[in-house]
């Protein structure tokens, strides 16, 4: 893996830790989680390594967000097994995904009137194959590095795990939040202290439209 050869052993370990976390849960670890996993004394030590990886083109970092960490295409290429890279170079396996804007109340999320464009993207950018891109509105998920105007890659599924970032339809409104299920209730959690959790009341209609599998910072 030629790109990985530029990294120190510790940087390579951190890069792989981040990739595993994204594959497992759909979102990157926090600085504190990286520090705890690798035995650092503080999150600052993890931050130093993250900035070194960013300088080497392996990560994109968003300031002010605990999970503002993204693998670059260069990192994903470096992490692939030897021999797989040539089959998955950027641009060689493109997905043509519908870009969904505002979703009208009561209508399917992939209804034609919601599709603003069709976007070609590299399949290797995502932890799982997405079905569409959803334009993010607002700042309720900024702590997860999901900002207003970003394009969230979504895989359509109703099978989601506790803690994943989901696209949920609550009544007539579609929202992006982190799912938390307990024995007594379901909550949709924001990643911004300015927003309150959404508690799903018994009998209230809740449909899971999909799970986030990646993110693009839009220039559209």
C-alpha atoms as a PDB file:
ATOM      1  CA  UNK A   1       0.000   0.000   0.000  1.00  0.00           C
ATOM      2  CA  UNK A   2       2.110   2.907  -1.214  1.00  0.00           C
ATOM      3  CA  UNK A   3       0.152   5.674   0.531  1.00  0.00           C
ATOM      4  CA  UNK A   4       0.213   3.871   3.889  1.00  0.00           C
ATOM      5  CA  UNK A   5       4.050   3.663   3.668  1.00  0.00           C
ATOM      6  CA  UNK A   6       4.195   7.413   4.295  1.00  0.00           C
ATOM      7  CA  UNK A   7       2.589   6.995   7.710  1.00  0.00           C
ATOM      8  CA  UNK A   8       4.192   6.190  11.029  1.00  0.00           C
ATOM      9  CA  UNK A   9       2.993   2.948  12.675  1.00  0.00           C
ATOM     10  CA  UNK A  10       0.901   4.974  15.145  1.00  0.00           C
ATOM     11  CA  UNK A  11      -0.685   7.042  12.366  1.00  0.00           C
ATOM     12  CA  UNK A  12      -1.510   3.881  10.444  1.00  0.00           C
ATOM     13  CA  UNK A  13      -3.087   2.423  13.592  1.00  0.00           C
ATOM     14  CA  UNK A  14      -5.248   5.520  14.106  1.00  0.00           C
ATOM     15  CA  UNK A  15      -6.313   5.585  10.459  1.00  0.00           C
ATOM     16  CA  UNK A  16      -7.426   1.958  10.664  1.00  0.00           C
ATOM     17  CA  UNK A  17      -9.219   2.600  13.955  1.00  0.00           C
ATOM     18  CA  UNK A  18     -11.201   5.402  12.309  1.00  0.00           C
ATOM     19  CA  UNK A  19     -12.035   3.225   9.301  1.00  0.00           C
ATOM     20  CA  UNK A  20     -13.256   0.374  11.544  1.00  0.00           C
ATOM     21  CA  UNK A  21     -15.462   2.738  13.541  1.00  0.00           C
ATOM     22  CA  UNK A  22     -17.055   4.137  10.376  1.00  0.00           C
ATOM     23  CA  UNK A  23     -17.630   0.646   8.972  1.00  0.00           C
ATOM     24  CA  UNK A  24     -19.127  -0.558  12.258  1.00  0.00           C
ATOM     25  CA  UNK A  25     -21.363   2.368  13.191  1.00  0.00           C
ATOM     26  CA  UNK A  26     -21.485   4.699  10.182  1.00  0.00           C
ATOM     27  CA  UNK A  27     -19.705   7.581  11.920  1.00  0.00           C
ATOM     28  CA  UNK A  28     -16.134   8.350  13.059  1.00  0.00           C
ATOM     29  CA  UNK A  29     -14.903   8.151  16.660  1.00  0.00           C
ATOM     30  CA  UNK A  30     -14.448  11.226  18.834  1.00  0.00           C
ATOM     31  CA  UNK A  31     -10.996  12.397  19.866  1.00  0.00           C
ATOM     32  CA  UNK A  32     -11.691  11.090  23.377  1.00  0.00           C
ATOM     33  CA  UNK A  33     -12.678   7.669  22.012  1.00  0.00           C
ATOM     34  CA  UNK A  34      -9.464   7.469  19.987  1.00  0.00           C
ATOM     35  CA  UNK A  35      -7.434   8.424  23.062  1.00  0.00           C
ATOM     36  CA  UNK A  36      -9.177   5.814  25.213  1.00  0.00           C
ATOM     37  CA  UNK A  37      -8.800   3.083  22.599  1.00  0.00           C
ATOM     38  CA  UNK A  38      -5.073   3.684  22.148  1.00  0.00           C
ATOM     39  CA  UNK A  39      -4.202   4.526  25.742  1.00  0.00           C
ATOM     40  CA  UNK A  40      -3.367   8.201  25.271  1.00  0.00           C
ATOM     41  CA  UNK A  41      -3.436  10.353  28.389  1.00  0.00           C
ATOM     42  CA  UNK A  42      -5.647  13.001  26.788  1.00  0.00           C
ATOM     43  CA  UNK A  43      -7.638  13.771  23.681  1.00  0.00           C
ATOM     44  CA  UNK A  44      -4.986  16.350  22.751  1.00  0.00           C
ATOM     45  CA  UNK A  45      -2.552  13.566  21.876  1.00  0.00           C
ATOM     46  CA  UNK A  46      -5.119  12.099  19.497  1.00  0.00           C
ATOM     47  CA  UNK A  47      -5.686  15.571  18.032  1.00  0.00           C
ATOM     48  CA  UNK A  48      -1.974  15.925  17.216  1.00  0.00           C
ATOM     49  CA  UNK A  49      -1.988  12.635  15.297  1.00  0.00           C
ATOM     50  CA  UNK A  50      -5.187  13.592  13.463  1.00  0.00           C
ATOM     51  CA  UNK A  51      -3.639  16.850  12.258  1.00  0.00           C
ATOM     52  CA  UNK A  52      -0.555  14.949  11.090  1.00  0.00           C
ATOM     53  CA  UNK A  53      -2.814  12.593   9.103  1.00  0.00           C
ATOM     54  CA  UNK A  54      -4.663  15.581   7.661  1.00  0.00           C
ATOM     55  CA  UNK A  55      -1.354  17.121   6.524  1.00  0.00           C
ATOM     56  CA  UNK A  56      -0.559  13.859   4.744  1.00  0.00           C
ATOM     57  CA  UNK A  57      -3.883  13.993   2.902  1.00  0.00           C
ATOM     58  CA  UNK A  58      -5.502  11.089   4.754  1.00  0.00           C
ATOM     59  CA  UNK A  59      -8.169  12.990   6.705  1.00  0.00           C
ATOM     60  CA  UNK A  60     -10.385  16.031   6.475  1.00  0.00           C
ATOM     61  CA  UNK A  61     -11.040  17.648   9.863  1.00  0.00           C
ATOM     62  CA  UNK A  62     -13.952  19.930  10.772  1.00  0.00           C
ATOM     63  CA  UNK A  63     -13.170  22.287  13.643  1.00  0.00           C
ATOM     64  CA  UNK A  64     -15.547  22.567  16.582  1.00  0.00           C
ATOM     65  CA  UNK A  65     -17.137  19.132  16.141  1.00  0.00           C
ATOM     66  CA  UNK A  66     -16.269  16.069  18.188  1.00  0.00           C
ATOM     67  CA  UNK A  67     -16.768  13.699  15.235  1.00  0.00           C
ATOM     68  CA  UNK A  68     -15.603  16.023  12.476  1.00  0.00           C
ATOM     69  CA  UNK A  69     -13.256  13.442  10.940  1.00  0.00           C
ATOM     70  CA  UNK A  70     -13.502  12.175   7.366  1.00  0.00           C
ATOM     71  CA  UNK A  71     -11.409   9.695   5.441  1.00  0.00           C
ATOM     72  CA  UNK A  72     -10.203  11.076   2.127  1.00  0.00           C
ATOM     73  CA  UNK A  73     -10.243   9.044  -1.093  1.00  0.00           C
ATOM     74  CA  UNK A  74      -6.451   8.736  -0.679  1.00  0.00           C
ATOM     75  CA  UNK A  75      -6.949   7.132   2.743  1.00  0.00           C
ATOM     76  CA  UNK A  76      -9.575   4.708   1.473  1.00  0.00           C
ATOM     77  CA  UNK A  77      -7.268   3.711  -1.357  1.00  0.00           C
ATOM     78  CA  UNK A  78      -4.384   3.156   1.062  1.00  0.00           C
ATOM     79  CA  UNK A  79      -6.551   1.001   3.347  1.00  0.00           C
ATOM     80  CA  UNK A  80      -7.675  -1.359   0.596  1.00  0.00           C
ATOM     81  CA  UNK A  81      -5.990  -4.754   0.327  1.00  0.00           C
ATOM     82  CA  UNK A  82      -3.088  -4.956  -2.109  1.00  0.00           C
ATOM     83  CA  UNK A  83      -4.374  -5.655  -5.602  1.00  0.00           C
ATOM     84  CA  UNK A  84      -7.820  -4.157  -4.969  1.00  0.00           C
ATOM     85  CA  UNK A  85      -6.813  -0.544  -5.552  1.00  0.00           C
ATOM     86  CA  UNK A  86      -6.642  -0.648  -9.336  1.00  0.00           C
ATOM     87  CA  UNK A  87     -10.183  -1.985  -9.504  1.00  0.00           C
ATOM     88  CA  UNK A  88     -11.496   0.834  -7.308  1.00  0.00           C
ATOM     89  CA  UNK A  89      -9.597   3.941  -8.259  1.00  0.00           C
ATOM     90  CA  UNK A  90     -11.681   7.129  -8.016  1.00  0.00           C
ATOM     91  CA  UNK A  91     -13.770   7.500 -11.155  1.00  0.00           C
ATOM     92  CA  UNK A  92     -13.481   3.836 -12.163  1.00  0.00           C
ATOM     93  CA  UNK A  93     -16.542   2.720 -10.190  1.00  0.00           C
ATOM     94  CA  UNK A  94     -18.998   5.572 -10.238  1.00  0.00           C
ATOM     95  CA  UNK A  95     -22.442   5.563  -8.744  1.00  0.00           C
ATOM     96  CA  UNK A  96     -25.127   7.803 -10.206  1.00  0.00           C
ATOM     97  CA  UNK A  97     -27.189   8.829  -7.213  1.00  0.00           C
ATOM     98  CA  UNK A  98     -30.332  10.954  -7.023  1.00  0.00           C
ATOM     99  CA  UNK A  99     -29.855  14.107  -4.960  1.00  0.00           C
ATOM    100  CA  UNK A 100     -32.867  14.666  -2.717  1.00  0.00           C
ATOM    101  CA  UNK A 101     -33.751  18.188  -1.605  1.00  0.00           C
ATOM    102  CA  UNK A 102     -36.717  19.127   0.543  1.00  0.00           C
ATOM    103  CA  UNK A 103     -39.179  16.291   1.147  1.00  0.00           C
ATOM    104  CA  UNK A 104     -42.864  17.147   0.913  1.00  0.00           C
ATOM    105  CA  UNK A 105     -45.121  15.961   3.719  1.00  0.00           C
ATOM    106  CA  UNK A 106     -46.582  12.516   3.203  1.00  0.00           C
ATOM    107  CA  UNK A 107     -44.756  11.678  -0.044  1.00  0.00           C
ATOM    108  CA  UNK A 108     -42.069   9.018  -0.594  1.00  0.00           C
ATOM    109  CA  UNK A 109     -38.550  10.317  -0.097  1.00  0.00           C
ATOM    110  CA  UNK A 110     -37.498   9.176  -3.583  1.00  0.00           C
ATOM    111  CA  UNK A 111     -40.525  10.695  -5.297  1.00  0.00           C
ATOM    112  CA  UNK A 112     -39.523  12.363  -8.564  1.00  0.00           C
ATOM    113  CA  UNK A 113     -40.463  15.840  -7.364  1.00  0.00           C
ATOM    114  CA  UNK A 114     -37.806  15.619  -4.629  1.00  0.00           C
ATOM    115  CA  UNK A 115     -34.921  14.814  -6.999  1.00  0.00           C
ATOM    116  CA  UNK A 116     -32.910  17.976  -7.675  1.00  0.00           C
ATOM    117  CA  UNK A 117     -30.144  16.331  -9.728  1.00  0.00           C
ATOM    118  CA  UNK A 118     -28.299  13.095 -10.409  1.00  0.00           C
ATOM    119  CA  UNK A 119     -24.744  13.087  -9.070  1.00  0.00           C
ATOM    120  CA  UNK A 120     -21.842  10.835 -10.073  1.00  0.00           C
ATOM    121  CA  UNK A 121     -19.723   9.812  -7.078  1.00  0.00           C
ATOM    122  CA  UNK A 122     -16.903   7.362  -6.378  1.00  0.00           C
ATOM    123  CA  UNK A 123     -18.343   4.188  -4.810  1.00  0.00           C
ATOM    124  CA  UNK A 124     -15.240   3.817  -2.639  1.00  0.00           C
ATOM    125  CA  UNK A 125     -16.087   6.916  -0.618  1.00  0.00           C
ATOM    126  CA  UNK A 126     -18.751   5.160   1.439  1.00  0.00           C
ATOM    127  CA  UNK A 127     -18.848   2.496   4.140  1.00  0.00           C
ATOM    128  CA  UNK A 128     -21.742   0.758   2.312  1.00  0.00           C
ATOM    129  CA  UNK A 129     -23.375   1.302  -1.055  1.00  0.00           C
ATOM    130  CA  UNK A 130     -25.786   4.256  -0.796  1.00  0.00           C
ATOM    131  CA  UNK A 131     -29.100   4.606  -2.615  1.00  0.00           C
ATOM    132  CA  UNK A 132     -29.325   8.392  -2.670  1.00  0.00           C
ATOM    133  CA  UNK A 133     -27.836  11.653  -1.408  1.00  0.00           C
ATOM    134  CA  UNK A 134     -29.876  13.833   0.950  1.00  0.00           C
ATOM    135  CA  UNK A 135     -29.158  17.553   1.197  1.00  0.00           C
ATOM    136  CA  UNK A 136     -28.751  18.427   4.879  1.00  0.00           C
ATOM    137  CA  UNK A 137     -30.807  21.317   6.220  1.00  0.00           C
ATOM    138  CA  UNK A 138     -29.862  23.038   9.471  1.00  0.00           C
ATOM    139  CA  UNK A 139     -27.216  22.518  12.152  1.00  0.00           C
ATOM    140  CA  UNK A 140     -28.765  19.949  14.503  1.00  0.00           C
ATOM    141  CA  UNK A 141     -26.088  17.323  13.611  1.00  0.00           C
ATOM    142  CA  UNK A 142     -23.015  19.553  13.460  1.00  0.00           C
ATOM    143  CA  UNK A 143     -21.383  17.725  16.383  1.00  0.00           C
ATOM    144  CA  UNK A 144     -21.186  14.657  14.127  1.00  0.00           C
ATOM    145  CA  UNK A 145     -19.531  16.741  11.406  1.00  0.00           C
ATOM    146  CA  UNK A 146     -22.772  16.962   9.395  1.00  0.00           C
ATOM    147  CA  UNK A 147     -23.221  20.587   8.378  1.00  0.00           C
ATOM    148  CA  UNK A 148     -25.915  22.607   6.646  1.00  0.00           C
ATOM    149  CA  UNK A 149     -25.677  22.035   2.891  1.00  0.00           C
ATOM    150  CA  UNK A 150     -23.713  18.776   3.132  1.00  0.00           C
ATOM    151  CA  UNK A 151     -24.833  15.763   1.117  1.00  0.00           C
ATOM    152  CA  UNK A 152     -25.562  12.770   3.312  1.00  0.00           C
ATOM    153  CA  UNK A 153     -25.181   9.409   1.581  1.00  0.00           C
ATOM    154  CA  UNK A 154     -28.098   7.203   2.610  1.00  0.00           C
ATOM    155  CA  UNK A 155     -28.656   3.488   2.319  1.00  0.00           C
ATOM    156  CA  UNK A 156     -32.324   2.560   2.320  1.00  0.00           C
ATOM    157  CA  UNK A 157     -33.035   0.090   5.117  1.00  0.00           C
ATOM    158  CA  UNK A 158     -35.298  -0.378   8.095  1.00  0.00           C
ATOM    159  CA  UNK A 159     -32.730  -2.497   9.912  1.00  0.00           C
ATOM    160  CA  UNK A 160     -30.652  -0.073  11.952  1.00  0.00           C
ATOM    161  CA  UNK A 161     -28.609  -0.396  15.126  1.00  0.00           C
ATOM    162  CA  UNK A 162     -28.812   1.649  18.279  1.00  0.00           C
ATOM    163  CA  UNK A 163     -26.534   4.687  17.964  1.00  0.00           C
ATOM    164  CA  UNK A 164     -26.537   4.896  14.165  1.00  0.00           C
ATOM    165  CA  UNK A 165     -27.367   8.109  12.330  1.00  0.00           C
ATOM    166  CA  UNK A 166     -30.695   7.519  10.629  1.00  0.00           C
ATOM    167  CA  UNK A 167     -33.099   9.276   8.315  1.00  0.00           C
ATOM    168  CA  UNK A 168     -36.444   9.065  10.095  1.00  0.00           C
ATOM    169  CA  UNK A 169     -39.935  10.101   9.153  1.00  0.00           C
ATOM    170  CA  UNK A 170     -41.895  11.220  12.174  1.00  0.00           C
ATOM    171  CA  UNK A 171     -45.426  11.960  11.101  1.00  0.00           C
ATOM    172  CA  UNK A 172     -45.048  14.167   8.019  1.00  0.00           C
ATOM    173  CA  UNK A 173     -41.509  15.374   8.748  1.00  0.00           C
ATOM    174  CA  UNK A 174     -38.213  13.788   7.670  1.00  0.00           C
ATOM    175  CA  UNK A 175     -35.239  14.342   9.975  1.00  0.00           C
ATOM    176  CA  UNK A 176     -31.613  13.215  10.358  1.00  0.00           C
ATOM    177  CA  UNK A 177     -30.781  12.185  13.921  1.00  0.00           C
ATOM    178  CA  UNK A 178     -28.962   9.563  15.975  1.00  0.00           C
ATOM    179  CA  UNK A 179     -31.220   6.695  17.012  1.00  0.00           C
ATOM    180  CA  UNK A 180     -31.438   5.614  20.636  1.00  0.00           C
ATOM    181  CA  UNK A 181     -33.722   2.788  21.699  1.00  0.00           C
ATOM    182  CA  UNK A 182     -34.306   1.858  25.314  1.00  0.00           C
ATOM    183  CA  UNK A 183     -36.672  -0.638  26.908  1.00  0.00           C
ATOM    184  CA  UNK A 184     -39.258   2.090  27.414  1.00  0.00           C
ATOM    185  CA  UNK A 185     -38.939   4.469  24.468  1.00  0.00           C
ATOM    186  CA  UNK A 186     -37.282   5.598  21.249  1.00  0.00           C
ATOM    187  CA  UNK A 187     -35.391   8.877  20.976  1.00  0.00           C
ATOM    188  CA  UNK A 188     -33.965  10.751  17.992  1.00  0.00           C
ATOM    189  CA  UNK A 189     -30.914  12.595  19.249  1.00  0.00           C
ATOM    190  CA  UNK A 190     -29.346  15.742  17.789  1.00  0.00           C
ATOM    191  CA  UNK A 191     -25.593  16.393  17.886  1.00  0.00           C
ATOM    192  CA  UNK A 192     -25.969  20.024  18.905  1.00  0.00           C
ATOM    193  CA  UNK A 193     -26.788  21.199  22.458  1.00  0.00           C
ATOM    194  CA  UNK A 194     -29.016  23.937  21.019  1.00  0.00           C
ATOM    195  CA  UNK A 195     -31.506  21.275  19.918  1.00  0.00           C
ATOM    196  CA  UNK A 196     -33.631  19.051  22.152  1.00  0.00           C
ATOM    197  CA  UNK A 197     -33.939  15.269  21.646  1.00  0.00           C
ATOM    198  CA  UNK A 198     -37.101  14.102  19.926  1.00  0.00           C
ATOM    199  CA  UNK A 199     -38.970  11.556  22.052  1.00  0.00           C
ATOM    200  CA  UNK A 200     -41.215   9.249  20.035  1.00  0.00           C
ATOM    201  CA  UNK A 201     -44.451   8.925  21.968  1.00  0.00           C
ATOM    202  CA  UNK A 202     -46.282   5.570  22.172  1.00  0.00           C
ATOM    203  CA  UNK A 203     -48.494   5.191  19.128  1.00  0.00           C
ATOM    204  CA  UNK A 204     -46.707   7.962  17.223  1.00  0.00           C
ATOM    205  CA  UNK A 205     -45.916   7.046  13.616  1.00  0.00           C
ATOM    206  CA  UNK A 206     -42.165   6.545  13.080  1.00  0.00           C
ATOM    207  CA  UNK A 207     -40.628   5.177   9.893  1.00  0.00           C
ATOM    208  CA  UNK A 208     -36.907   4.634   9.380  1.00  0.00           C
ATOM    209  CA  UNK A 209     -36.099   5.653   5.808  1.00  0.00           C
ATOM    210  CA  UNK A 210     -32.428   4.682   5.900  1.00  0.00           C
ATOM    211  CA  UNK A 211     -29.032   4.933   7.559  1.00  0.00           C
ATOM    212  CA  UNK A 212     -26.154   7.307   6.858  1.00  0.00           C
ATOM    213  CA  UNK A 213     -23.187   5.610   5.190  1.00  0.00           C
ATOM    214  CA  UNK A 214     -21.078   8.627   4.251  1.00  0.00           C
ATOM    215  CA  UNK A 215     -20.961  12.358   3.701  1.00  0.00           C
ATOM    216  CA  UNK A 216     -19.929  14.762   0.955  1.00  0.00           C
ATOM    217  CA  UNK A 217     -19.212  18.431   1.450  1.00  0.00           C
ATOM    218  CA  UNK A 218     -21.300  19.916  -1.320  1.00  0.00           C
ATOM    219  CA  UNK A 219     -20.040  22.337  -3.917  1.00  0.00           C
ATOM    220  CA  UNK A 220     -23.224  22.028  -5.919  1.00  0.00           C
END
